[in-house]
Amino acid sequence: MNIVSLLGVTFLAVFLISTEKEPILAAAKVEKQSVTGVDKGIANSTSNEQVTNNLSHDTIMKRTNQLLDFLQQDTDESYQVITFNTKQELLEEFSKIATKNVVEPYIDYYYQERSNGLYIIPIEIPPWIDENNSYRTIPVHNDKVKLIQHNKSALHGKYTIEIEFTYEDIWRISNIKHS
């Protein structure tokens, strides 16, 4: 059994709401919103791209999809992760996509380490940025950009996702906030 197929069969997702104290997860059926007049959500200007070391739409989609895909590790029928044996191994691999402060809460929430290996807790993944929805990027600093996207889910109504990207040799996700 593959956790990707387990999670991919439904259109349910988990809405991760970040608070200062702890994340809250709840099931949500994601509704797609149509985009008019915006090419794949690209809302940043050329001058912003120059200031921000060329954070492109492709890089944004690549990093956000990598992080979401990475949460869906292949498992056996008992949900034991096939590729990794410890949370530390998973954390090291995640660091290629996002900073430790971003991925550690996800790993702690979605994975359980046991004496015989690493197990995924079989719950739906959080909703993510919608590639078909518009978003805007705001330069925070020369090496930081904040993405803001407004979405809507059937169970939770409107929500906003803010993803901060930081450039240190490559672009990595350095903060995620849902409201």
N, C-alpha and C. Protein backbone atom coordinates (compact mmCIF):
# COMPACT_ATOMS: atom_id res chain seq x y z
N MET A 1 0.84 -1.18 0.00
CA MET A 1 0.00 0.00 0.00
C MET A 1 0.88 1.24 0.00
N ASN A 2 0.48 2.19 -0.74
CA ASN A 2 1.25 3.43 -0.89
C ASN A 2 0.44 4.57 -0.29
N ILE A 3 1.04 5.34 0.59
CA ILE A 3 0.33 6.44 1.26
C ILE A 3 -0.13 7.48 0.25
N VAL A 4 0.61 7.62 -0.86
CA VAL A 4 0.20 8.57 -1.89
C VAL A 4 -1.15 8.16 -2.45
N SER A 5 -1.32 6.86 -2.73
CA SER A 5 -2.60 6.42 -3.26
C SER A 5 -3.68 6.51 -2.21
N LEU A 6 -3.35 6.26 -0.95
CA LEU A 6 -4.31 6.37 0.13
C LEU A 6 -4.83 7.79 0.24
N LEU A 7 -3.93 8.75 0.20
CA LEU A 7 -4.32 10.15 0.34
C LEU A 7 -4.86 10.73 -0.95
N GLY A 8 -4.38 10.23 -2.08
CA GLY A 8 -4.76 10.79 -3.36
C GLY A 8 -6.14 10.38 -3.84
N VAL A 9 -6.74 9.33 -3.26
CA VAL A 9 -8.03 8.84 -3.69
C VAL A 9 -9.13 9.85 -3.39
N THR A 10 -9.04 10.55 -2.29
CA THR A 10 -10.07 11.51 -1.92
C THR A 10 -9.66 12.91 -2.31
N PHE A 11 -10.62 13.77 -2.35
CA PHE A 11 -10.32 15.18 -2.58
C PHE A 11 -10.28 15.93 -1.26
N LEU A 12 -10.29 15.15 -0.17
CA LEU A 12 -10.21 15.78 1.14
C LEU A 12 -8.79 16.20 1.42
N ALA A 13 -8.67 17.28 2.11
CA ALA A 13 -7.35 17.75 2.53
C ALA A 13 -7.49 18.25 3.95
N VAL A 14 -6.39 18.45 4.59
CA VAL A 14 -6.41 18.97 5.94
C VAL A 14 -6.00 20.43 5.88
N PHE A 15 -6.75 21.24 6.56
CA PHE A 15 -6.44 22.66 6.59
C PHE A 15 -5.61 22.93 7.81
N LEU A 16 -4.40 23.31 7.61
CA LEU A 16 -3.48 23.59 8.70
C LEU A 16 -3.56 25.06 9.02
N ILE A 17 -4.06 25.34 10.21
CA ILE A 17 -4.16 26.73 10.64
C ILE A 17 -3.06 26.96 11.66
N SER A 18 -2.16 27.86 11.34
CA SER A 18 -1.06 28.14 12.25
C SER A 18 -1.51 29.17 13.26
N THR A 19 -1.31 28.85 14.51
CA THR A 19 -1.48 29.83 15.56
C THR A 19 -0.14 29.96 16.24
N GLU A 20 -0.03 30.89 17.14
CA GLU A 20 1.26 31.06 17.80
C GLU A 20 1.57 29.87 18.69
N LYS A 21 0.54 29.15 19.16
CA LYS A 21 0.78 28.07 20.10
C LYS A 21 0.88 26.71 19.43
N GLU A 22 -0.05 26.37 18.55
CA GLU A 22 0.01 25.06 17.92
C GLU A 22 -0.83 25.02 16.66
N PRO A 23 -0.50 24.10 15.74
CA PRO A 23 -1.31 23.97 14.52
C PRO A 23 -2.59 23.20 14.81
N ILE A 24 -3.63 23.54 14.09
CA ILE A 24 -4.90 22.84 14.21
C ILE A 24 -5.19 22.27 12.83
N LEU A 25 -5.58 21.00 12.79
CA LEU A 25 -5.88 20.39 11.50
C LEU A 25 -7.35 19.99 11.47
N ALA A 26 -7.96 20.17 10.31
CA ALA A 26 -9.34 19.77 10.13
C ALA A 26 -9.53 19.41 8.67
N ALA A 27 -10.45 18.49 8.39
CA ALA A 27 -10.67 18.05 7.01
C ALA A 27 -11.34 19.16 6.21
N ALA A 28 -10.96 19.25 4.95
CA ALA A 28 -11.54 20.27 4.08
C ALA A 28 -11.58 19.76 2.66
N LYS A 29 -12.71 19.94 2.00
CA LYS A 29 -12.79 19.61 0.59
C LYS A 29 -12.44 20.88 -0.16
N VAL A 30 -11.38 20.84 -0.93
CA VAL A 30 -10.85 22.04 -1.56
C VAL A 30 -11.63 22.35 -2.82
N GLU A 31 -12.07 23.60 -2.94
CA GLU A 31 -12.74 24.07 -4.15
C GLU A 31 -11.76 24.87 -4.98
N LYS A 32 -11.72 24.59 -6.25
CA LYS A 32 -10.84 25.35 -7.13
C LYS A 32 -11.54 26.64 -7.53
N GLN A 33 -10.76 27.70 -7.62
CA GLN A 33 -11.29 28.98 -8.06
C GLN A 33 -10.68 29.28 -9.43
N SER A 34 -11.49 29.88 -10.30
CA SER A 34 -10.98 30.16 -11.64
C SER A 34 -10.11 31.40 -11.62
N VAL A 35 -9.20 31.46 -12.57
CA VAL A 35 -8.29 32.59 -12.69
C VAL A 35 -8.63 33.30 -13.99
N THR A 36 -8.79 34.62 -13.91
CA THR A 36 -9.04 35.40 -15.11
C THR A 36 -8.00 36.49 -15.22
N GLY A 37 -7.36 36.57 -16.35
CA GLY A 37 -6.41 37.64 -16.61
C GLY A 37 -5.07 37.50 -15.92
N VAL A 38 -4.83 36.42 -15.23
CA VAL A 38 -3.55 36.23 -14.56
C VAL A 38 -2.97 34.90 -15.02
N ASP A 39 -1.76 34.91 -15.52
CA ASP A 39 -1.12 33.70 -16.02
C ASP A 39 -0.55 32.89 -14.87
N LYS A 40 -1.25 31.83 -14.48
CA LYS A 40 -0.77 30.90 -13.46
C LYS A 40 -0.37 31.61 -12.17
N GLY A 41 -1.07 32.67 -11.82
CA GLY A 41 -0.84 33.32 -10.54
C GLY A 41 0.38 34.20 -10.47
N ILE A 42 1.00 34.51 -11.57
CA ILE A 42 2.20 35.34 -11.52
C ILE A 42 1.77 36.78 -11.31
N ALA A 43 2.08 37.30 -10.12
CA ALA A 43 1.66 38.65 -9.80
C ALA A 43 2.84 39.54 -9.40
N ASN A 44 4.03 39.02 -9.50
CA ASN A 44 5.19 39.85 -9.13
C ASN A 44 5.72 40.56 -10.38
N SER A 45 6.35 41.68 -10.17
CA SER A 45 6.84 42.47 -11.29
C SER A 45 8.29 42.12 -11.59
N THR A 46 8.75 42.57 -12.74
CA THR A 46 10.14 42.33 -13.13
C THR A 46 11.10 42.94 -12.14
N SER A 47 10.79 44.14 -11.66
CA SER A 47 11.70 44.77 -10.69
C SER A 47 11.77 43.97 -9.40
N ASN A 48 10.65 43.38 -8.97
CA ASN A 48 10.68 42.53 -7.78
C ASN A 48 11.56 41.31 -8.01
N GLU A 49 11.48 40.72 -9.19
CA GLU A 49 12.30 39.54 -9.48
C GLU A 49 13.78 39.88 -9.44
N GLN A 50 14.15 41.05 -9.94
CA GLN A 50 15.55 41.44 -9.91
C GLN A 50 16.03 41.63 -8.48
N VAL A 51 15.21 42.24 -7.64
CA VAL A 51 15.57 42.47 -6.25
C VAL A 51 15.67 41.15 -5.49
N THR A 52 14.87 40.17 -5.86
CA THR A 52 14.77 38.94 -5.09
C THR A 52 15.48 37.75 -5.73
N ASN A 53 16.58 37.99 -6.37
CA ASN A 53 17.36 36.91 -6.97
C ASN A 53 16.54 36.01 -7.88
N ASN A 54 15.60 36.61 -8.61
CA ASN A 54 14.82 35.90 -9.62
C ASN A 54 13.97 34.75 -9.08
N LEU A 55 13.23 34.99 -8.01
CA LEU A 55 12.26 33.99 -7.55
C LEU A 55 11.13 33.96 -8.58
N SER A 56 11.08 32.89 -9.33
CA SER A 56 10.12 32.78 -10.43
C SER A 56 8.91 31.96 -10.01
N HIS A 57 7.88 32.03 -10.83
CA HIS A 57 6.69 31.20 -10.63
C HIS A 57 7.08 29.72 -10.62
N ASP A 58 7.95 29.32 -11.54
CA ASP A 58 8.38 27.92 -11.60
C ASP A 58 9.07 27.48 -10.31
N THR A 59 9.92 28.33 -9.75
CA THR A 59 10.60 28.00 -8.50
C THR A 59 9.61 27.91 -7.35
N ILE A 60 8.66 28.83 -7.31
CA ILE A 60 7.62 28.80 -6.27
C ILE A 60 6.84 27.49 -6.34
N MET A 61 6.39 27.13 -7.53
CA MET A 61 5.61 25.90 -7.70
C MET A 61 6.46 24.67 -7.39
N LYS A 62 7.71 24.69 -7.81
CA LYS A 62 8.59 23.55 -7.56
C LYS A 62 8.77 23.32 -6.06
N ARG A 63 9.10 24.38 -5.32
CA ARG A 63 9.35 24.22 -3.88
C ARG A 63 8.08 23.84 -3.12
N THR A 64 6.97 24.49 -3.42
CA THR A 64 5.75 24.17 -2.68
C THR A 64 5.26 22.76 -3.01
N ASN A 65 5.37 22.35 -4.26
CA ASN A 65 4.99 20.98 -4.63
C ASN A 65 5.94 19.95 -4.03
N GLN A 66 7.23 20.27 -3.98
CA GLN A 66 8.19 19.34 -3.37
C GLN A 66 7.86 19.12 -1.90
N LEU A 67 7.55 20.18 -1.19
CA LEU A 67 7.23 20.04 0.23
C LEU A 67 5.97 19.22 0.42
N LEU A 68 4.95 19.50 -0.34
CA LEU A 68 3.71 18.74 -0.24
C LEU A 68 3.93 17.28 -0.62
N ASP A 69 4.65 17.04 -1.70
CA ASP A 69 4.96 15.66 -2.12
C ASP A 69 5.78 14.93 -1.07
N PHE A 70 6.68 15.65 -0.44
CA PHE A 70 7.56 15.02 0.53
C PHE A 70 6.80 14.55 1.76
N LEU A 71 5.69 15.20 2.08
CA LEU A 71 4.87 14.75 3.20
C LEU A 71 4.22 13.40 2.92
N GLN A 72 4.15 13.02 1.65
CA GLN A 72 3.48 11.80 1.24
C GLN A 72 4.49 10.69 0.96
N GLN A 73 5.18 10.24 1.97
CA GLN A 73 6.19 9.20 1.81
C GLN A 73 5.57 7.85 1.48
N ASP A 74 6.27 7.05 0.69
CA ASP A 74 5.84 5.68 0.42
C ASP A 74 5.93 4.87 1.71
N THR A 75 4.91 4.05 1.94
CA THR A 75 4.86 3.21 3.14
C THR A 75 4.47 1.79 2.78
N ASP A 76 4.66 0.90 3.75
CA ASP A 76 4.13 -0.45 3.58
C ASP A 76 2.69 -0.47 4.10
N GLU A 77 2.08 -1.65 4.16
CA GLU A 77 0.67 -1.75 4.57
C GLU A 77 0.43 -1.35 6.03
N SER A 78 1.47 -1.30 6.85
CA SER A 78 1.32 -0.87 8.25
C SER A 78 1.72 0.59 8.44
N TYR A 79 1.89 1.31 7.34
CA TYR A 79 2.26 2.73 7.32
C TYR A 79 3.70 3.00 7.75
N GLN A 80 4.54 1.97 7.72
CA GLN A 80 5.96 2.18 8.00
C GLN A 80 6.60 2.80 6.76
N VAL A 81 7.31 3.89 6.98
CA VAL A 81 7.96 4.61 5.88
C VAL A 81 9.07 3.73 5.31
N ILE A 82 9.13 3.64 4.00
CA ILE A 82 10.09 2.76 3.33
C ILE A 82 11.47 3.39 3.22
N THR A 83 11.55 4.65 2.88
CA THR A 83 12.82 5.30 2.57
C THR A 83 13.60 5.78 3.79
N PHE A 84 12.93 6.15 4.86
CA PHE A 84 13.59 6.72 6.04
C PHE A 84 13.26 5.92 7.29
N ASN A 85 14.22 5.88 8.23
CA ASN A 85 14.02 5.13 9.47
C ASN A 85 13.82 6.01 10.69
N THR A 86 14.22 7.28 10.60
CA THR A 86 14.11 8.18 11.75
C THR A 86 13.59 9.54 11.30
N LYS A 87 13.08 10.29 12.28
CA LYS A 87 12.65 11.66 11.99
C LYS A 87 13.84 12.51 11.59
N GLN A 88 15.00 12.24 12.18
CA GLN A 88 16.20 13.01 11.86
C GLN A 88 16.59 12.85 10.39
N GLU A 89 16.53 11.63 9.87
CA GLU A 89 16.82 11.39 8.44
C GLU A 89 15.84 12.18 7.56
N LEU A 90 14.58 12.14 7.94
CA LEU A 90 13.55 12.86 7.19
C LEU A 90 13.79 14.36 7.26
N LEU A 91 14.13 14.86 8.43
CA LEU A 91 14.40 16.28 8.62
C LEU A 91 15.58 16.74 7.75
N GLU A 92 16.63 15.93 7.69
CA GLU A 92 17.79 16.28 6.86
C GLU A 92 17.41 16.35 5.38
N GLU A 93 16.59 15.43 4.94
CA GLU A 93 16.17 15.43 3.54
C GLU A 93 15.23 16.61 3.25
N PHE A 94 14.33 16.91 4.18
CA PHE A 94 13.42 18.04 4.05
C PHE A 94 14.17 19.36 3.94
N SER A 95 15.34 19.45 4.56
CA SER A 95 16.08 20.71 4.61
C SER A 95 16.51 21.19 3.22
N LYS A 96 16.44 20.32 2.22
CA LYS A 96 16.74 20.73 0.85
C LYS A 96 15.60 21.58 0.27
N ILE A 97 14.44 21.52 0.90
CA ILE A 97 13.24 22.18 0.40
C ILE A 97 12.85 23.37 1.27
N ALA A 98 12.99 23.18 2.60
CA ALA A 98 12.52 24.19 3.54
C ALA A 98 13.42 24.20 4.77
N THR A 99 13.32 25.27 5.53
CA THR A 99 14.14 25.40 6.74
C THR A 99 13.61 24.49 7.85
N LYS A 100 14.47 24.21 8.81
CA LYS A 100 14.12 23.31 9.91
C LYS A 100 12.89 23.79 10.67
N ASN A 101 12.80 25.09 10.94
CA ASN A 101 11.65 25.61 11.70
C ASN A 101 10.33 25.41 10.97
N VAL A 102 10.35 25.26 9.66
CA VAL A 102 9.14 25.00 8.88
C VAL A 102 8.79 23.52 8.91
N VAL A 103 9.77 22.66 8.66
CA VAL A 103 9.46 21.24 8.49
C VAL A 103 9.33 20.46 9.79
N GLU A 104 9.99 20.90 10.84
CA GLU A 104 9.94 20.15 12.10
C GLU A 104 8.52 19.95 12.63
N PRO A 105 7.67 20.99 12.63
CA PRO A 105 6.29 20.75 13.09
C PRO A 105 5.52 19.76 12.21
N TYR A 106 5.76 19.79 10.90
CA TYR A 106 5.11 18.83 10.01
C TYR A 106 5.57 17.41 10.32
N ILE A 107 6.87 17.23 10.48
CA ILE A 107 7.41 15.90 10.78
C ILE A 107 6.87 15.40 12.11
N ASP A 108 6.86 16.27 13.12
CA ASP A 108 6.34 15.87 14.43
C ASP A 108 4.87 15.52 14.38
N TYR A 109 4.11 16.21 13.55
CA TYR A 109 2.68 15.96 13.46
C TYR A 109 2.35 14.72 12.63
N TYR A 110 3.00 14.55 11.50
CA TYR A 110 2.65 13.49 10.56
C TYR A 110 3.39 12.17 10.76
N TYR A 111 4.46 12.17 11.54
CA TYR A 111 5.30 10.98 11.67
C TYR A 111 5.50 10.58 13.12
N GLN A 112 5.64 9.28 13.31
CA GLN A 112 5.91 8.71 14.63
C GLN A 112 7.11 7.79 14.51
N GLU A 113 8.08 8.00 15.38
CA GLU A 113 9.28 7.17 15.38
C GLU A 113 9.09 6.05 16.40
N ARG A 114 9.29 4.81 15.95
CA ARG A 114 9.19 3.63 16.83
C ARG A 114 10.52 2.90 16.80
N SER A 115 10.66 1.91 17.66
CA SER A 115 11.93 1.17 17.74
C SER A 115 12.27 0.47 16.43
N ASN A 116 11.28 0.10 15.65
CA ASN A 116 11.54 -0.62 14.40
C ASN A 116 11.45 0.27 13.16
N GLY A 117 11.33 1.59 13.33
CA GLY A 117 11.32 2.46 12.16
C GLY A 117 10.42 3.66 12.30
N LEU A 118 10.23 4.33 11.19
CA LEU A 118 9.44 5.56 11.11
C LEU A 118 8.08 5.24 10.51
N TYR A 119 7.02 5.78 11.10
CA TYR A 119 5.66 5.53 10.64
C TYR A 119 4.96 6.86 10.36
N ILE A 120 4.16 6.84 9.31
CA ILE A 120 3.35 8.01 9.01
C ILE A 120 2.00 7.83 9.68
N ILE A 121 1.47 8.91 10.22
CA ILE A 121 0.13 8.88 10.79
C ILE A 121 -0.84 9.13 9.63
N PRO A 122 -1.74 8.18 9.35
CA PRO A 122 -2.58 8.27 8.15
C PRO A 122 -3.69 9.31 8.27
N ILE A 123 -3.33 10.56 8.01
CA ILE A 123 -4.29 11.66 7.94
C ILE A 123 -4.04 12.41 6.64
N GLU A 124 -5.02 13.18 6.24
CA GLU A 124 -4.89 13.90 4.98
C GLU A 124 -3.84 15.00 5.08
N ILE A 125 -3.33 15.36 3.95
CA ILE A 125 -2.32 16.42 3.87
C ILE A 125 -3.00 17.78 3.92
N PRO A 126 -2.26 18.82 4.27
CA PRO A 126 -2.89 20.15 4.34
C PRO A 126 -3.18 20.69 2.94
N PRO A 127 -4.19 21.56 2.81
CA PRO A 127 -4.39 22.20 1.51
C PRO A 127 -3.18 23.09 1.23
N TRP A 128 -2.97 23.33 0.01
CA TRP A 128 -1.74 24.02 -0.36
C TRP A 128 -2.05 25.15 -1.29
N ILE A 129 -1.04 25.81 -1.77
CA ILE A 129 -1.29 26.89 -2.70
C ILE A 129 -1.86 26.26 -3.97
N ASP A 130 -2.82 26.94 -4.53
CA ASP A 130 -3.48 26.45 -5.73
C ASP A 130 -2.79 27.05 -6.94
N GLU A 131 -2.19 26.19 -7.74
CA GLU A 131 -1.42 26.63 -8.90
C GLU A 131 -2.27 27.43 -9.89
N ASN A 132 -3.58 27.21 -9.85
CA ASN A 132 -4.47 27.90 -10.78
C ASN A 132 -5.03 29.21 -10.22
N ASN A 133 -4.72 29.52 -8.99
CA ASN A 133 -5.18 30.76 -8.36
C ASN A 133 -4.10 31.82 -8.42
N SER A 134 -4.52 33.05 -8.50
CA SER A 134 -3.55 34.14 -8.49
C SER A 134 -2.96 34.29 -7.09
N TYR A 135 -1.79 34.86 -7.03
CA TYR A 135 -1.14 35.17 -5.77
C TYR A 135 -0.30 36.41 -6.00
N ARG A 136 0.17 36.97 -4.92
CA ARG A 136 1.09 38.10 -5.07
C ARG A 136 2.34 37.81 -4.26
N THR A 137 3.43 38.37 -4.70
CA THR A 137 4.69 38.24 -3.97
C THR A 137 5.12 39.62 -3.51
N ILE A 138 5.65 39.65 -2.30
CA ILE A 138 6.11 40.89 -1.71
C ILE A 138 7.56 40.72 -1.30
N PRO A 139 8.47 41.52 -1.85
CA PRO A 139 9.86 41.44 -1.40
C PRO A 139 9.95 41.90 0.05
N VAL A 140 10.52 41.06 0.90
CA VAL A 140 10.70 41.40 2.31
C VAL A 140 12.10 41.96 2.51
N HIS A 141 13.03 41.39 1.80
CA HIS A 141 14.43 41.78 1.85
C HIS A 141 15.05 41.26 0.56
N ASN A 142 16.30 41.56 0.32
CA ASN A 142 16.97 41.08 -0.89
C ASN A 142 16.92 39.57 -1.03
N ASP A 143 16.92 38.86 0.09
CA ASP A 143 16.94 37.41 0.05
C ASP A 143 15.66 36.77 0.57
N LYS A 144 14.60 37.56 0.75
CA LYS A 144 13.32 37.04 1.26
C LYS A 144 12.16 37.59 0.44
N VAL A 145 11.20 36.68 0.16
CA VAL A 145 9.99 37.05 -0.55
C VAL A 145 8.82 36.36 0.14
N LYS A 146 7.74 37.10 0.32
CA LYS A 146 6.53 36.52 0.90
C LYS A 146 5.49 36.36 -0.20
N LEU A 147 4.93 35.16 -0.30
CA LEU A 147 3.84 34.87 -1.22
C LEU A 147 2.55 34.90 -0.42
N ILE A 148 1.53 35.53 -0.97
CA ILE A 148 0.21 35.57 -0.32
C ILE A 148 -0.82 35.12 -1.34
N GLN A 149 -1.63 34.13 -0.92
CA GLN A 149 -2.69 33.64 -1.80
C GLN A 149 -3.97 33.45 -0.98
N HIS A 150 -5.09 33.88 -1.55
CA HIS A 150 -6.40 33.72 -0.91
C HIS A 150 -7.11 32.56 -1.61
N ASN A 151 -7.62 31.62 -0.81
CA ASN A 151 -8.30 30.45 -1.34
C ASN A 151 -9.61 30.24 -0.61
N LYS A 152 -10.34 29.21 -1.00
CA LYS A 152 -11.62 28.88 -0.38
C LYS A 152 -11.77 27.37 -0.35
N SER A 153 -12.22 26.85 0.80
CA SER A 153 -12.50 25.41 0.90
C SER A 153 -13.96 25.23 1.31
N ALA A 154 -14.53 24.09 1.01
CA ALA A 154 -15.94 23.82 1.29
C ALA A 154 -16.24 23.86 2.79
N LEU A 155 -15.38 23.29 3.60
CA LEU A 155 -15.64 23.20 5.04
C LEU A 155 -15.22 24.43 5.82
N HIS A 156 -14.18 25.13 5.37
CA HIS A 156 -13.62 26.21 6.17
C HIS A 156 -13.79 27.59 5.56
N GLY A 157 -14.42 27.66 4.44
CA GLY A 157 -14.61 28.97 3.83
C GLY A 157 -13.32 29.54 3.30
N LYS A 158 -13.19 30.85 3.43
CA LYS A 158 -12.02 31.53 2.89
C LYS A 158 -10.83 31.37 3.82
N TYR A 159 -9.66 31.21 3.23
CA TYR A 159 -8.42 31.18 4.00
C TYR A 159 -7.32 31.81 3.17
N THR A 160 -6.31 32.25 3.87
CA THR A 160 -5.14 32.85 3.23
C THR A 160 -3.92 32.04 3.62
N ILE A 161 -3.08 31.77 2.64
CA ILE A 161 -1.81 31.11 2.92
C ILE A 161 -0.70 32.10 2.60
N GLU A 162 0.23 32.21 3.52
CA GLU A 162 1.41 33.05 3.33
C GLU A 162 2.63 32.14 3.43
N ILE A 163 3.45 32.15 2.40
CA ILE A 163 4.66 31.34 2.38
C ILE A 163 5.83 32.27 2.14
N GLU A 164 6.78 32.21 3.04
CA GLU A 164 7.99 33.03 2.90
C GLU A 164 9.10 32.17 2.33
N PHE A 165 9.79 32.71 1.35
CA PHE A 165 10.93 32.05 0.72
C PHE A 165 12.18 32.83 1.07
N THR A 166 13.25 32.11 1.40
CA THR A 166 14.53 32.74 1.71
C THR A 166 15.58 32.15 0.78
N TYR A 167 16.44 33.02 0.26
CA TYR A 167 17.50 32.58 -0.64
C TYR A 167 18.82 32.46 0.11
N GLU A 168 19.34 31.23 0.17
CA GLU A 168 20.69 30.93 0.68
C GLU A 168 21.25 29.85 -0.23
N ASP A 169 21.89 30.21 -1.28
CA ASP A 169 22.36 29.33 -2.34
C ASP A 169 21.23 28.81 -3.22
N ILE A 170 20.10 28.48 -2.62
CA ILE A 170 18.88 28.12 -3.35
C ILE A 170 17.70 28.72 -2.58
N TRP A 171 16.54 28.79 -3.25
CA TRP A 171 15.33 29.25 -2.57
C TRP A 171 14.76 28.11 -1.74
N ARG A 172 14.48 28.41 -0.46
CA ARG A 172 13.85 27.45 0.45
C ARG A 172 12.64 28.12 1.10
N ILE A 173 11.67 27.32 1.48
CA ILE A 173 10.53 27.82 2.23
C ILE A 173 10.99 28.05 3.66
N SER A 174 10.79 29.27 4.16
CA SER A 174 11.29 29.61 5.50
C SER A 174 10.18 29.92 6.50
N ASN A 175 8.95 30.01 6.03
CA ASN A 175 7.83 30.23 6.95
C ASN A 175 6.53 29.93 6.22
N ILE A 176 5.57 29.37 6.95
CA ILE A 176 4.24 29.10 6.39
C ILE A 176 3.22 29.54 7.42
N LYS A 177 2.23 30.28 6.97
CA LYS A 177 1.17 30.75 7.86
C LYS A 177 -0.16 30.63 7.15
N HIS A 178 -1.16 30.09 7.85
CA HIS A 178 -2.52 30.01 7.34
C HIS A 178 -3.41 30.86 8.23
N SER A 179 -4.32 31.58 7.63
CA SER A 179 -5.29 32.33 8.43
C SER A 179 -6.64 32.37 7.73
